Amino acid sequence: MGPRPLGATMKIAHICRRAPVTIPANASVREAARAMQAERVGALGLTDPFEPGRIVGVVTDRDLVLQVLAGERPVDGQVVAGVCSSDLHGVSAQASVHEAVEAMRRHGVRRLLVIGDDGQAVVGVLSMDDVLGVLADELAALAGTLRSGLAREGEPRGEARASH
């Protein structure tokens, strides 16, 4: 059995952003940008205007920049559904961080919808930033363990300690 990958046992339900920020799919791109700014997020779930609990797409800050601002599309009057990705990618809330990273790599995305235990409801959004934060904490803890081990190795042992 090989070494366990970082984040192999931590469940993403514990680190994802709960309650994804959503906006109706028929909202304007300006409304989407304002919602991202107000909520300090880089992606919004787009909900069906007739079934508000159902996410039908995702729009990212990158979508707005590349497809609207850098493109030929006018900002005013542009509906956010026209620039979103309806190719949704998700992962179970019970998945490990390692499994989530593999899903991000496989689909070429930096965010995943987190699906609840019922297999249908979106309970959160996991971003690459969330994953990096957890892995950074694990690496910092490992570095601290190494430093304390090295410090103990430099201490005199047992009876041989000098007393002052």
N, C-alpha and C. Protein backbone atom coordinates (compact mmCIF):
# COMPACT_ATOMS: atom_id res chain seq x y z
N MET A 1 0.84 -1.18 0.00
CA MET A 1 0.00 0.00 0.00
C MET A 1 0.89 1.24 0.00
N GLY A 2 0.66 2.15 -0.95
CA GLY A 2 1.47 3.35 -1.08
C GLY A 2 1.08 4.43 -0.09
N PRO A 3 1.77 5.55 -0.14
CA PRO A 3 1.45 6.65 0.77
C PRO A 3 0.07 7.22 0.45
N ARG A 4 -0.60 7.64 1.48
CA ARG A 4 -1.93 8.24 1.34
C ARG A 4 -1.80 9.67 0.86
N PRO A 5 -2.54 10.08 -0.19
CA PRO A 5 -2.45 11.46 -0.67
C PRO A 5 -2.97 12.44 0.38
N LEU A 6 -2.43 13.66 0.37
CA LEU A 6 -2.94 14.68 1.27
C LEU A 6 -4.44 14.85 1.03
N GLY A 7 -5.19 15.01 2.10
CA GLY A 7 -6.62 15.21 1.98
C GLY A 7 -7.40 13.96 1.62
N ALA A 8 -6.78 12.80 1.73
CA ALA A 8 -7.43 11.56 1.29
C ALA A 8 -8.61 11.18 2.19
N THR A 9 -8.59 11.56 3.44
CA THR A 9 -9.67 11.16 4.33
C THR A 9 -10.59 12.31 4.72
N MET A 10 -10.20 13.54 4.52
CA MET A 10 -11.05 14.67 4.88
C MET A 10 -12.20 14.79 3.89
N LYS A 11 -13.41 14.87 4.40
CA LYS A 11 -14.60 14.99 3.55
C LYS A 11 -14.82 16.45 3.16
N ILE A 12 -15.21 16.65 1.91
CA ILE A 12 -15.38 18.03 1.44
C ILE A 12 -16.58 18.72 2.06
N ALA A 13 -17.50 17.96 2.64
CA ALA A 13 -18.64 18.57 3.33
C ALA A 13 -18.16 19.50 4.44
N HIS A 14 -16.96 19.23 4.98
CA HIS A 14 -16.43 20.03 6.07
C HIS A 14 -15.71 21.29 5.61
N ILE A 15 -15.38 21.38 4.32
CA ILE A 15 -14.60 22.54 3.89
C ILE A 15 -15.26 23.37 2.80
N CYS A 16 -16.34 22.87 2.19
CA CYS A 16 -16.95 23.62 1.10
C CYS A 16 -17.76 24.80 1.64
N ARG A 17 -17.97 25.75 0.76
CA ARG A 17 -18.83 26.88 1.10
C ARG A 17 -20.26 26.37 1.10
N ARG A 18 -20.92 26.53 2.22
CA ARG A 18 -22.31 26.10 2.33
C ARG A 18 -23.23 27.06 1.58
N ALA A 19 -24.40 26.61 1.27
CA ALA A 19 -25.43 27.42 0.62
C ALA A 19 -24.85 28.20 -0.55
N PRO A 20 -24.76 27.57 -1.71
CA PRO A 20 -24.20 28.27 -2.86
C PRO A 20 -24.95 29.57 -3.15
N VAL A 21 -24.22 30.57 -3.57
CA VAL A 21 -24.83 31.84 -3.94
C VAL A 21 -25.45 31.65 -5.32
N THR A 22 -26.72 31.99 -5.44
CA THR A 22 -27.42 31.77 -6.70
C THR A 22 -28.07 33.05 -7.20
N ILE A 23 -28.43 32.99 -8.48
CA ILE A 23 -29.13 34.09 -9.14
C ILE A 23 -29.99 33.45 -10.23
N PRO A 24 -31.15 34.01 -10.52
CA PRO A 24 -31.97 33.43 -11.60
C PRO A 24 -31.24 33.49 -12.94
N ALA A 25 -31.42 32.47 -13.74
CA ALA A 25 -30.74 32.38 -15.04
C ALA A 25 -31.12 33.52 -15.98
N ASN A 26 -32.26 34.16 -15.74
CA ASN A 26 -32.68 35.26 -16.60
C ASN A 26 -32.23 36.62 -16.08
N ALA A 27 -31.37 36.65 -15.06
CA ALA A 27 -30.80 37.91 -14.55
C ALA A 27 -29.80 38.46 -15.57
N SER A 28 -29.52 39.73 -15.46
CA SER A 28 -28.54 40.35 -16.36
C SER A 28 -27.12 40.05 -15.91
N VAL A 29 -26.17 40.18 -16.83
CA VAL A 29 -24.77 39.96 -16.47
C VAL A 29 -24.32 41.01 -15.45
N ARG A 30 -24.88 42.19 -15.52
CA ARG A 30 -24.54 43.23 -14.53
C ARG A 30 -25.02 42.81 -13.14
N GLU A 31 -26.23 42.25 -13.05
CA GLU A 31 -26.74 41.76 -11.77
C GLU A 31 -25.86 40.63 -11.24
N ALA A 32 -25.39 39.78 -12.12
CA ALA A 32 -24.51 38.68 -11.72
C ALA A 32 -23.20 39.23 -11.16
N ALA A 33 -22.62 40.20 -11.86
CA ALA A 33 -21.36 40.79 -11.39
C ALA A 33 -21.55 41.47 -10.04
N ARG A 34 -22.66 42.15 -9.86
CA ARG A 34 -22.93 42.81 -8.58
C ARG A 34 -23.12 41.79 -7.46
N ALA A 35 -23.79 40.67 -7.77
CA ALA A 35 -23.98 39.62 -6.76
C ALA A 35 -22.64 39.01 -6.36
N MET A 36 -21.76 38.79 -7.35
CA MET A 36 -20.43 38.26 -7.05
C MET A 36 -19.66 39.22 -6.15
N GLN A 37 -19.76 40.50 -6.46
CA GLN A 37 -19.06 41.51 -5.66
C GLN A 37 -19.62 41.56 -4.24
N ALA A 38 -20.93 41.58 -4.12
CA ALA A 38 -21.56 41.69 -2.80
C ALA A 38 -21.28 40.46 -1.93
N GLU A 39 -21.29 39.30 -2.54
CA GLU A 39 -21.08 38.05 -1.80
C GLU A 39 -19.62 37.61 -1.73
N ARG A 40 -18.76 38.34 -2.45
CA ARG A 40 -17.33 38.03 -2.50
C ARG A 40 -17.08 36.59 -2.96
N VAL A 41 -17.70 36.25 -4.09
CA VAL A 41 -17.53 34.92 -4.68
C VAL A 41 -17.15 35.08 -6.14
N GLY A 42 -16.57 34.05 -6.71
CA GLY A 42 -16.16 34.07 -8.11
C GLY A 42 -17.07 33.25 -9.01
N ALA A 43 -18.13 32.70 -8.43
CA ALA A 43 -19.06 31.90 -9.23
C ALA A 43 -20.45 31.95 -8.60
N LEU A 44 -21.44 31.87 -9.47
CA LEU A 44 -22.83 31.84 -9.02
C LEU A 44 -23.52 30.65 -9.64
N GLY A 45 -24.37 30.01 -8.86
CA GLY A 45 -25.25 29.01 -9.42
C GLY A 45 -26.42 29.72 -10.07
N LEU A 46 -26.79 29.30 -11.26
CA LEU A 46 -27.94 29.89 -11.94
C LEU A 46 -29.13 28.99 -11.72
N THR A 47 -30.21 29.59 -11.24
CA THR A 47 -31.40 28.81 -10.95
C THR A 47 -32.44 28.98 -12.03
N ASP A 48 -33.24 27.95 -12.19
CA ASP A 48 -34.37 27.97 -13.11
C ASP A 48 -35.35 29.04 -12.61
N PRO A 49 -35.71 30.03 -13.44
CA PRO A 49 -36.62 31.09 -12.98
C PRO A 49 -37.98 30.55 -12.53
N PHE A 50 -38.37 29.39 -13.02
CA PHE A 50 -39.66 28.82 -12.66
C PHE A 50 -39.56 27.77 -11.56
N GLU A 51 -38.35 27.38 -11.23
CA GLU A 51 -38.09 26.40 -10.18
C GLU A 51 -36.83 26.84 -9.43
N PRO A 52 -36.96 27.89 -8.59
CA PRO A 52 -35.79 28.55 -7.99
C PRO A 52 -34.80 27.68 -7.24
N GLY A 53 -35.19 26.52 -6.78
CA GLY A 53 -34.25 25.66 -6.06
C GLY A 53 -33.38 24.81 -6.96
N ARG A 54 -33.66 24.81 -8.25
CA ARG A 54 -32.94 23.92 -9.18
C ARG A 54 -31.84 24.70 -9.90
N ILE A 55 -30.60 24.28 -9.72
CA ILE A 55 -29.47 24.92 -10.38
C ILE A 55 -29.34 24.35 -11.79
N VAL A 56 -29.34 25.25 -12.78
CA VAL A 56 -29.29 24.82 -14.18
C VAL A 56 -28.00 25.22 -14.87
N GLY A 57 -27.16 25.96 -14.18
CA GLY A 57 -25.90 26.38 -14.76
C GLY A 57 -25.03 27.07 -13.73
N VAL A 58 -23.84 27.39 -14.14
CA VAL A 58 -22.89 28.11 -13.29
C VAL A 58 -22.24 29.19 -14.14
N VAL A 59 -22.13 30.38 -13.58
CA VAL A 59 -21.41 31.45 -14.26
C VAL A 59 -20.27 31.89 -13.35
N THR A 60 -19.10 32.09 -13.94
CA THR A 60 -17.93 32.49 -13.16
C THR A 60 -17.51 33.90 -13.55
N ASP A 61 -16.69 34.49 -12.71
CA ASP A 61 -16.14 35.81 -13.04
C ASP A 61 -15.35 35.74 -14.34
N ARG A 62 -14.71 34.63 -14.57
CA ARG A 62 -13.95 34.41 -15.81
C ARG A 62 -14.88 34.41 -17.02
N ASP A 63 -16.05 33.77 -16.90
CA ASP A 63 -17.03 33.78 -17.99
C ASP A 63 -17.42 35.21 -18.34
N LEU A 64 -17.67 36.02 -17.32
CA LEU A 64 -18.08 37.40 -17.56
C LEU A 64 -16.99 38.20 -18.26
N VAL A 65 -15.76 38.00 -17.84
CA VAL A 65 -14.65 38.73 -18.45
C VAL A 65 -14.40 38.28 -19.88
N LEU A 66 -14.26 36.99 -20.09
CA LEU A 66 -13.89 36.49 -21.41
C LEU A 66 -15.02 36.57 -22.44
N GLN A 67 -16.24 36.32 -22.00
CA GLN A 67 -17.34 36.28 -22.96
C GLN A 67 -18.07 37.60 -23.13
N VAL A 68 -18.03 38.44 -22.12
CA VAL A 68 -18.76 39.71 -22.22
C VAL A 68 -17.79 40.87 -22.39
N LEU A 69 -16.93 41.09 -21.41
CA LEU A 69 -16.06 42.26 -21.44
C LEU A 69 -15.02 42.20 -22.56
N ALA A 70 -14.40 41.05 -22.75
CA ALA A 70 -13.37 40.93 -23.78
C ALA A 70 -13.96 40.59 -25.14
N GLY A 71 -15.21 40.20 -25.16
CA GLY A 71 -15.86 39.81 -26.41
C GLY A 71 -16.58 40.97 -27.06
N GLU A 72 -17.38 40.64 -28.00
CA GLU A 72 -18.13 41.64 -28.76
C GLU A 72 -19.54 41.85 -28.22
N ARG A 73 -19.88 41.17 -27.16
CA ARG A 73 -21.23 41.25 -26.61
C ARG A 73 -21.43 42.54 -25.82
N PRO A 74 -22.61 43.15 -25.95
CA PRO A 74 -22.90 44.33 -25.13
C PRO A 74 -23.21 43.89 -23.69
N VAL A 75 -22.80 44.68 -22.74
CA VAL A 75 -23.07 44.35 -21.34
C VAL A 75 -24.54 44.57 -21.04
N ASP A 76 -25.07 45.72 -21.42
CA ASP A 76 -26.46 46.03 -21.13
C ASP A 76 -27.39 45.12 -21.93
N GLY A 77 -28.36 44.58 -21.23
CA GLY A 77 -29.34 43.71 -21.87
C GLY A 77 -28.89 42.27 -22.02
N GLN A 78 -27.66 41.97 -21.67
CA GLN A 78 -27.13 40.60 -21.79
C GLN A 78 -27.62 39.76 -20.61
N VAL A 79 -28.24 38.63 -20.90
CA VAL A 79 -28.74 37.73 -19.86
C VAL A 79 -27.63 36.76 -19.47
N VAL A 80 -27.50 36.52 -18.19
CA VAL A 80 -26.40 35.70 -17.68
C VAL A 80 -26.47 34.26 -18.20
N ALA A 81 -27.65 33.76 -18.48
CA ALA A 81 -27.77 32.39 -19.02
C ALA A 81 -27.04 32.25 -20.35
N GLY A 82 -26.86 33.34 -21.07
CA GLY A 82 -26.17 33.31 -22.36
C GLY A 82 -24.67 33.16 -22.26
N VAL A 83 -24.11 33.34 -21.07
CA VAL A 83 -22.65 33.24 -20.91
C VAL A 83 -22.25 32.17 -19.90
N CYS A 84 -23.23 31.47 -19.38
CA CYS A 84 -22.92 30.48 -18.35
C CYS A 84 -22.57 29.14 -18.95
N SER A 85 -22.05 28.28 -18.10
CA SER A 85 -21.79 26.90 -18.48
C SER A 85 -22.94 26.07 -17.93
N SER A 86 -23.60 25.35 -18.81
CA SER A 86 -24.65 24.44 -18.34
C SER A 86 -24.09 23.04 -18.16
N ASP A 87 -22.80 22.90 -18.39
CA ASP A 87 -22.11 21.63 -18.18
C ASP A 87 -21.69 21.58 -16.72
N LEU A 88 -22.58 21.07 -15.87
CA LEU A 88 -22.36 21.10 -14.43
C LEU A 88 -21.52 19.90 -13.98
N HIS A 89 -20.62 20.18 -13.05
CA HIS A 89 -19.77 19.13 -12.49
C HIS A 89 -19.90 19.18 -10.98
N GLY A 90 -20.13 18.03 -10.40
CA GLY A 90 -20.30 17.98 -8.96
C GLY A 90 -19.62 16.77 -8.37
N VAL A 91 -19.65 16.74 -7.06
CA VAL A 91 -19.05 15.65 -6.30
C VAL A 91 -19.85 15.50 -5.01
N SER A 92 -19.91 14.30 -4.51
CA SER A 92 -20.65 14.02 -3.29
C SER A 92 -20.03 14.75 -2.10
N ALA A 93 -20.90 15.17 -1.18
CA ALA A 93 -20.42 15.80 0.05
C ALA A 93 -19.53 14.86 0.86
N GLN A 94 -19.67 13.57 0.63
CA GLN A 94 -18.88 12.58 1.36
C GLN A 94 -17.56 12.25 0.67
N ALA A 95 -17.32 12.85 -0.48
CA ALA A 95 -16.06 12.60 -1.20
C ALA A 95 -14.89 13.19 -0.41
N SER A 96 -13.73 12.62 -0.63
CA SER A 96 -12.52 13.16 0.01
C SER A 96 -12.00 14.33 -0.81
N VAL A 97 -11.13 15.09 -0.20
CA VAL A 97 -10.48 16.20 -0.91
C VAL A 97 -9.74 15.65 -2.12
N HIS A 98 -9.07 14.53 -1.95
CA HIS A 98 -8.34 13.92 -3.05
C HIS A 98 -9.29 13.59 -4.21
N GLU A 99 -10.45 13.01 -3.91
CA GLU A 99 -11.42 12.68 -4.96
C GLU A 99 -11.93 13.95 -5.66
N ALA A 100 -12.15 15.00 -4.89
CA ALA A 100 -12.62 16.26 -5.47
C ALA A 100 -11.57 16.85 -6.41
N VAL A 101 -10.31 16.82 -5.99
CA VAL A 101 -9.23 17.34 -6.84
C VAL A 101 -9.16 16.54 -8.13
N GLU A 102 -9.31 15.23 -8.03
CA GLU A 102 -9.31 14.39 -9.23
C GLU A 102 -10.47 14.77 -10.16
N ALA A 103 -11.64 15.05 -9.60
CA ALA A 103 -12.79 15.46 -10.41
C ALA A 103 -12.52 16.80 -11.09
N MET A 104 -11.91 17.74 -10.36
CA MET A 104 -11.57 19.04 -10.94
C MET A 104 -10.60 18.86 -12.10
N ARG A 105 -9.60 18.02 -11.90
CA ARG A 105 -8.61 17.77 -12.95
C ARG A 105 -9.26 17.12 -14.17
N ARG A 106 -10.07 16.12 -13.92
CA ARG A 106 -10.72 15.38 -15.00
C ARG A 106 -11.63 16.27 -15.85
N HIS A 107 -12.34 17.19 -15.20
CA HIS A 107 -13.28 18.05 -15.92
C HIS A 107 -12.69 19.40 -16.31
N GLY A 108 -11.48 19.70 -15.86
CA GLY A 108 -10.84 20.96 -16.20
C GLY A 108 -11.53 22.17 -15.58
N VAL A 109 -11.99 22.03 -14.33
CA VAL A 109 -12.69 23.12 -13.64
C VAL A 109 -12.00 23.43 -12.32
N ARG A 110 -12.29 24.62 -11.79
CA ARG A 110 -11.72 25.03 -10.51
C ARG A 110 -12.76 25.08 -9.39
N ARG A 111 -14.01 24.76 -9.75
CA ARG A 111 -15.09 24.72 -8.76
C ARG A 111 -15.98 23.52 -9.06
N LEU A 112 -16.51 22.93 -7.99
CA LEU A 112 -17.45 21.82 -8.13
C LEU A 112 -18.67 22.09 -7.27
N LEU A 113 -19.83 21.70 -7.77
CA LEU A 113 -21.02 21.71 -6.94
C LEU A 113 -20.91 20.52 -5.99
N VAL A 114 -21.31 20.72 -4.76
CA VAL A 114 -21.26 19.65 -3.76
C VAL A 114 -22.68 19.13 -3.60
N ILE A 115 -22.84 17.84 -3.86
CA ILE A 115 -24.15 17.21 -3.86
C ILE A 115 -24.39 16.51 -2.53
N GLY A 116 -25.57 16.73 -1.96
CA GLY A 116 -25.92 16.17 -0.66
C GLY A 116 -26.11 14.67 -0.70
N ASP A 117 -26.41 14.12 0.47
CA ASP A 117 -26.56 12.68 0.61
C ASP A 117 -27.72 12.10 -0.19
N ASP A 118 -28.69 12.95 -0.55
CA ASP A 118 -29.82 12.47 -1.36
C ASP A 118 -29.43 12.27 -2.82
N GLY A 119 -28.22 12.72 -3.18
CA GLY A 119 -27.73 12.56 -4.54
C GLY A 119 -28.26 13.57 -5.53
N GLN A 120 -29.04 14.55 -5.05
CA GLN A 120 -29.65 15.52 -5.96
C GLN A 120 -29.46 16.97 -5.53
N ALA A 121 -29.67 17.26 -4.27
CA ALA A 121 -29.63 18.65 -3.80
C ALA A 121 -28.20 19.16 -3.75
N VAL A 122 -28.02 20.38 -4.24
CA VAL A 122 -26.72 21.05 -4.16
C VAL A 122 -26.63 21.68 -2.77
N VAL A 123 -25.65 21.25 -1.99
CA VAL A 123 -25.51 21.73 -0.63
C VAL A 123 -24.35 22.71 -0.46
N GLY A 124 -23.54 22.87 -1.50
CA GLY A 124 -22.41 23.78 -1.39
C GLY A 124 -21.62 23.86 -2.68
N VAL A 125 -20.57 24.65 -2.62
CA VAL A 125 -19.65 24.80 -3.74
C VAL A 125 -18.25 24.63 -3.18
N LEU A 126 -17.46 23.83 -3.84
CA LEU A 126 -16.06 23.64 -3.45
C LEU A 126 -15.19 24.31 -4.50
N SER A 127 -14.32 25.20 -4.05
CA SER A 127 -13.42 25.88 -4.98
C SER A 127 -12.00 25.39 -4.77
N MET A 128 -11.17 25.63 -5.76
CA MET A 128 -9.75 25.28 -5.64
C MET A 128 -9.14 26.03 -4.45
N ASP A 129 -9.59 27.25 -4.18
CA ASP A 129 -9.09 28.00 -3.02
C ASP A 129 -9.39 27.25 -1.72
N ASP A 130 -10.59 26.65 -1.62
CA ASP A 130 -10.93 25.87 -0.42
C ASP A 130 -9.95 24.71 -0.25
N VAL A 131 -9.68 24.02 -1.34
CA VAL A 131 -8.78 22.87 -1.31
C VAL A 131 -7.37 23.32 -0.94
N LEU A 132 -6.89 24.39 -1.57
CA LEU A 132 -5.54 24.87 -1.27
C LEU A 132 -5.40 25.28 0.18
N GLY A 133 -6.44 25.88 0.74
CA GLY A 133 -6.40 26.27 2.15
C GLY A 133 -6.23 25.07 3.07
N VAL A 134 -6.98 24.01 2.80
CA VAL A 134 -6.89 22.79 3.62
C VAL A 134 -5.52 22.15 3.47
N LEU A 135 -5.05 22.03 2.24
CA LEU A 135 -3.74 21.42 2.02
C LEU A 135 -2.62 22.25 2.63
N ALA A 136 -2.75 23.57 2.56
CA ALA A 136 -1.74 24.44 3.18
C ALA A 136 -1.72 24.23 4.69
N ASP A 137 -2.90 24.08 5.30
CA ASP A 137 -2.96 23.83 6.74
C ASP A 137 -2.30 22.49 7.09
N GLU A 138 -2.57 21.46 6.26
CA GLU A 138 -1.95 20.15 6.50
C GLU A 138 -0.44 20.23 6.37
N LEU A 139 0.04 20.95 5.35
CA LEU A 139 1.49 21.08 5.16
C LEU A 139 2.12 21.88 6.29
N ALA A 140 1.42 22.92 6.77
CA ALA A 140 1.94 23.72 7.89
C ALA A 140 2.04 22.86 9.15
N ALA A 141 1.03 22.02 9.39
CA ALA A 141 1.07 21.14 10.55
C ALA A 141 2.23 20.14 10.43
N LEU A 142 2.43 19.62 9.24
CA LEU A 142 3.54 18.70 9.01
C LEU A 142 4.88 19.39 9.24
N ALA A 143 5.01 20.62 8.74
CA ALA A 143 6.26 21.37 8.94
C ALA A 143 6.50 21.63 10.43
N GLY A 144 5.43 21.95 11.17
CA GLY A 144 5.56 22.16 12.61
C GLY A 144 6.01 20.90 13.32
N THR A 145 5.48 19.76 12.89
CA THR A 145 5.87 18.48 13.48
C THR A 145 7.35 18.21 13.21
N LEU A 146 7.79 18.47 12.00
CA LEU A 146 9.21 18.27 11.66
C LEU A 146 10.11 19.18 12.50
N ARG A 147 9.70 20.46 12.63
CA ARG A 147 10.51 21.40 13.43
C ARG A 147 10.60 20.96 14.88
N SER A 148 9.48 20.52 15.46
CA SER A 148 9.52 20.12 16.87
C SER A 148 10.33 18.83 17.04
N GLY A 149 10.26 17.94 16.05
CA GLY A 149 11.07 16.72 16.10
C GLY A 149 12.54 17.04 16.03
N LEU A 150 12.90 17.95 15.14
CA LEU A 150 14.31 18.35 15.02
C LEU A 150 14.80 19.03 16.29
N ALA A 151 13.93 19.84 16.90
CA ALA A 151 14.31 20.52 18.14
C ALA A 151 14.55 19.50 19.25
N ARG A 152 13.68 18.48 19.32
CA ARG A 152 13.85 17.44 20.35
C ARG A 152 15.12 16.62 20.10
N GLU A 153 15.48 16.41 18.85
CA GLU A 153 16.69 15.65 18.54
C GLU A 153 17.93 16.38 19.04
N GLY A 154 17.86 17.69 19.11
CA GLY A 154 19.01 18.47 19.57
C GLY A 154 19.11 18.56 21.07
N GLU A 155 18.08 18.11 21.81
CA GLU A 155 18.10 18.17 23.28
C GLU A 155 18.88 16.99 23.85
N PRO A 156 19.59 17.21 24.97
CA PRO A 156 20.25 16.10 25.66
C PRO A 156 19.20 15.10 26.16
N ARG A 157 19.52 13.83 26.26
CA ARG A 157 18.57 12.79 26.63
C ARG A 157 18.83 12.28 28.06
N GLY A 158 17.76 11.86 28.71
CA GLY A 158 17.80 11.16 30.00
C GLY A 158 18.65 11.80 31.06
N GLU A 159 19.44 10.98 31.75
CA GLU A 159 20.26 11.41 32.88
C GLU A 159 21.41 12.32 32.48
N ALA A 160 21.74 12.31 31.23
CA ALA A 160 22.89 13.07 30.79
C ALA A 160 22.62 14.58 30.71
N ARG A 161 21.37 14.99 30.98
CA ARG A 161 21.06 16.42 30.91
C ARG A 161 21.82 17.21 31.97
N ALA A 162 22.28 18.35 31.54
CA ALA A 162 22.97 19.23 32.50
C ALA A 162 21.93 19.98 33.31
N SER A 163 22.16 20.12 34.60
CA SER A 163 21.23 20.89 35.42
C SER A 163 21.89 22.21 35.79
N HIS A 164 21.05 23.22 35.87
CA HIS A 164 21.57 24.55 36.17
C HIS A 164 21.09 25.01 37.50
